[in-house]
Amino acid sequence: MKCSPLNYIAIVLLVYYLHVADAVPTMYQKNSNHMLEPVLIPVSSTVIPLPVYKVGAVVAIKGDKPKEKANLITAAIARKKLLEKEKKDREAKIKPISKEDFLLSKDLL
């Protein structure tokens, strides 16, 4: 059985019309500024895993002061340190060379 190009077009149009017929209209509501905004209804919840950070705490017994300072590592602090490290890695590294090395490298070109 041969299919003509018109049959393919008819199938594509049928699938398109079924898709359009299945679509749900967007509901809108007026906000405090008298503007219409779409009503967003959550369909499912998504849990995004966050990186695990080490949190340290020091507990004092009988009123003694802790010998070491308690540190709390937050996402903002960890991100700031990561950005500083990346910035440092991107910086140009300049190494002084002697005049002889410079002349030697010039001859190699």
C-alpha atoms as a PDB file:
ATOM      1  CA  MET A   1       0.000   0.000   0.000  1.00  0.00           C
ATOM      2  CA  LYS A   2       1.442   3.323  -1.087  1.00  0.00           C
ATOM      3  CA  CYS A   3       0.876   6.481   0.918  1.00  0.00           C
ATOM      4  CA  SER A   4       0.691   9.762  -0.904  1.00  0.00           C
ATOM      5  CA  PRO A   5       2.037  13.001   0.572  1.00  0.00           C
ATOM      6  CA  LEU A   6      -1.556  14.102   1.179  1.00  0.00           C
ATOM      7  CA  ASN A   7      -2.043  11.172   3.556  1.00  0.00           C
ATOM      8  CA  TYR A   8       1.003  12.273   5.580  1.00  0.00           C
ATOM      9  CA  ILE A   9      -0.304  15.828   5.735  1.00  0.00           C
ATOM     10  CA  ALA A  10      -3.725  14.557   6.854  1.00  0.00           C
ATOM     11  CA  ILE A  11      -2.115  12.491   9.641  1.00  0.00           C
ATOM     12  CA  VAL A  12      -0.035  15.453  10.841  1.00  0.00           C
ATOM     13  CA  LEU A  13      -3.088  17.731  10.842  1.00  0.00           C
ATOM     14  CA  LEU A  14      -5.148  15.117  12.729  1.00  0.00           C
ATOM     15  CA  VAL A  15      -2.470  14.810  15.431  1.00  0.00           C
ATOM     16  CA  TYR A  16      -2.243  18.610  15.661  1.00  0.00           C
ATOM     17  CA  TYR A  17      -6.019  19.025  16.030  1.00  0.00           C
ATOM     18  CA  LEU A  18      -6.149  16.310  18.708  1.00  0.00           C
ATOM     19  CA  HIS A  19      -3.381  18.107  20.587  1.00  0.00           C
ATOM     20  CA  VAL A  20      -5.198  21.455  20.356  1.00  0.00           C
ATOM     21  CA  ALA A  21      -8.502  19.880  21.423  1.00  0.00           C
ATOM     22  CA  ASP A  22      -6.799  18.391  24.492  1.00  0.00           C
ATOM     23  CA  ALA A  23      -5.313  21.749  25.581  1.00  0.00           C
ATOM     24  CA  VAL A  24      -6.733  23.419  28.683  1.00  0.00           C
ATOM     25  CA  PRO A  25      -7.365  27.173  28.690  1.00  0.00           C
ATOM     26  CA  THR A  26      -5.353  29.294  31.116  1.00  0.00           C
ATOM     27  CA  MET A  27      -7.285  30.753  34.035  1.00  0.00           C
ATOM     28  CA  TYR A  28      -6.578  34.352  35.039  1.00  0.00           C
ATOM     29  CA  GLN A  29      -7.351  36.395  38.127  1.00  0.00           C
ATOM     30  CA  LYS A  30      -7.103  40.093  38.889  1.00  0.00           C
ATOM     31  CA  ASN A  31      -4.322  41.114  41.243  1.00  0.00           C
ATOM     32  CA  SER A  32      -4.217  44.198  43.489  1.00  0.00           C
ATOM     33  CA  ASN A  33      -3.068  46.397  40.565  1.00  0.00           C
ATOM     34  CA  HIS A  34      -6.123  45.364  38.535  1.00  0.00           C
ATOM     35  CA  MET A  35      -3.888  43.388  36.154  1.00  0.00           C
ATOM     36  CA  LEU A  36      -4.702  39.878  35.032  1.00  0.00           C
ATOM     37  CA  GLU A  37      -2.168  37.228  35.954  1.00  0.00           C
ATOM     38  CA  PRO A  38      -2.304  33.486  35.252  1.00  0.00           C
ATOM     39  CA  VAL A  39      -3.363  31.186  38.070  1.00  0.00           C
ATOM     40  CA  LEU A  40      -0.570  28.663  38.463  1.00  0.00           C
ATOM     41  CA  ILE A  41      -1.612  25.357  39.992  1.00  0.00           C
ATOM     42  CA  PRO A  42       1.178  23.063  41.169  1.00  0.00           C
ATOM     43  CA  VAL A  43       1.003  19.705  39.466  1.00  0.00           C
ATOM     44  CA  SER A  44       3.729  17.888  41.327  1.00  0.00           C
ATOM     45  CA  SER A  45       6.436  18.708  43.788  1.00  0.00           C
ATOM     46  CA  THR A  46      10.082  18.562  42.845  1.00  0.00           C
ATOM     47  CA  VAL A  47      12.804  18.140  45.406  1.00  0.00           C
ATOM     48  CA  ILE A  48      16.118  19.595  44.338  1.00  0.00           C
ATOM     49  CA  PRO A  49      18.992  17.985  46.197  1.00  0.00           C
ATOM     50  CA  LEU A  50      21.270  20.515  47.814  1.00  0.00           C
ATOM     51  CA  PRO A  51      24.929  19.911  48.502  1.00  0.00           C
ATOM     52  CA  VAL A  52      25.702  18.657  51.985  1.00  0.00           C
ATOM     53  CA  TYR A  53      27.560  21.115  54.156  1.00  0.00           C
ATOM     54  CA  LYS A  54      29.413  20.314  57.344  1.00  0.00           C
ATOM     55  CA  VAL A  55      28.053  22.128  60.355  1.00  0.00           C
ATOM     56  CA  GLY A  56      30.159  22.166  63.460  1.00  0.00           C
ATOM     57  CA  ALA A  57      29.171  23.035  66.991  1.00  0.00           C
ATOM     58  CA  VAL A  58      31.024  23.064  70.267  1.00  0.00           C
ATOM     59  CA  VAL A  59      29.247  22.184  73.508  1.00  0.00           C
ATOM     60  CA  ALA A  60      30.569  23.515  76.786  1.00  0.00           C
ATOM     61  CA  ILE A  61      30.215  21.486  79.974  1.00  0.00           C
ATOM     62  CA  LYS A  62      29.798  23.121  83.402  1.00  0.00           C
ATOM     63  CA  GLY A  63      30.210  26.656  82.104  1.00  0.00           C
ATOM     64  CA  ASP A  64      33.669  26.151  80.621  1.00  0.00           C
ATOM     65  CA  LYS A  65      34.380  28.219  77.556  1.00  0.00           C
ATOM     66  CA  PRO A  66      35.027  26.236  74.406  1.00  0.00           C
ATOM     67  CA  LYS A  67      38.654  26.148  73.283  1.00  0.00           C
ATOM     68  CA  GLU A  68      37.797  26.414  69.609  1.00  0.00           C
ATOM     69  CA  LYS A  69      35.411  28.719  67.853  1.00  0.00           C
ATOM     70  CA  ALA A  70      32.182  27.194  66.521  1.00  0.00           C
ATOM     71  CA  ASN A  71      31.890  27.480  62.746  1.00  0.00           C
ATOM     72  CA  LEU A  72      28.733  27.404  60.704  1.00  0.00           C
ATOM     73  CA  ILE A  73      29.301  26.906  56.999  1.00  0.00           C
ATOM     74  CA  THR A  74      26.344  28.204  55.015  1.00  0.00           C
ATOM     75  CA  ALA A  75      25.622  27.976  51.315  1.00  0.00           C
ATOM     76  CA  ALA A  76      26.426  31.673  50.853  1.00  0.00           C
ATOM     77  CA  ILE A  77      29.842  31.338  52.496  1.00  0.00           C
ATOM     78  CA  ALA A  78      30.677  28.182  50.555  1.00  0.00           C
ATOM     79  CA  ARG A  79      29.598  29.804  47.278  1.00  0.00           C
ATOM     80  CA  LYS A  80      31.650  32.915  48.028  1.00  0.00           C
ATOM     81  CA  LYS A  81      34.755  30.800  48.684  1.00  0.00           C
ATOM     82  CA  LEU A  82      34.152  28.827  45.486  1.00  0.00           C
ATOM     83  CA  LEU A  83      33.818  32.025  43.428  1.00  0.00           C
ATOM     84  CA  GLU A  84      37.013  33.432  44.961  1.00  0.00           C
ATOM     85  CA  LYS A  85      38.859  30.213  44.098  1.00  0.00           C
ATOM     86  CA  GLU A  86      37.559  30.261  40.519  1.00  0.00           C
ATOM     87  CA  LYS A  87      38.557  33.917  40.157  1.00  0.00           C
ATOM     88  CA  LYS A  88      42.039  33.133  41.437  1.00  0.00           C
ATOM     89  CA  ASP A  89      42.341  30.210  38.994  1.00  0.00           C
ATOM     90  CA  ARG A  90      41.383  32.474  36.063  1.00  0.00           C
ATOM     91  CA  GLU A  91      44.017  35.094  36.859  1.00  0.00           C
ATOM     92  CA  ALA A  92      47.019  35.265  34.552  1.00  0.00           C
ATOM     93  CA  LYS A  93      50.128  33.676  35.904  1.00  0.00           C
ATOM     94  CA  ILE A  94      53.233  35.678  34.964  1.00  0.00           C
ATOM     95  CA  LYS A  95      56.591  34.055  35.302  1.00  0.00           C
ATOM     96  CA  PRO A  96      59.756  36.150  34.894  1.00  0.00           C
ATOM     97  CA  ILE A  97      62.320  34.699  32.501  1.00  0.00           C
ATOM     98  CA  SER A  98      65.904  35.621  31.832  1.00  0.00           C
ATOM     99  CA  LYS A  99      67.089  37.465  28.750  1.00  0.00           C
ATOM    100  CA  GLU A 100      68.805  34.310  27.488  1.00  0.00           C
ATOM    101  CA  ASP A 101      65.589  32.277  27.744  1.00  0.00           C
ATOM    102  CA  PHE A 102      63.719  35.015  25.891  1.00  0.00           C
ATOM    103  CA  LEU A 103      66.259  35.091  23.078  1.00  0.00           C
ATOM    104  CA  LEU A 104      66.282  31.299  22.921  1.00  0.00           C
ATOM    105  CA  SER A 105      62.484  31.138  22.616  1.00  0.00           C
ATOM    106  CA  LYS A 106      62.586  33.827  19.927  1.00  0.00           C
ATOM    107  CA  ASP A 107      65.015  31.681  17.890  1.00  0.00           C
ATOM    108  CA  LEU A 108      62.660  28.684  18.108  1.00  0.00           C
ATOM    109  CA  LEU A 109      59.912  30.595  16.322  1.00  0.00           C
END
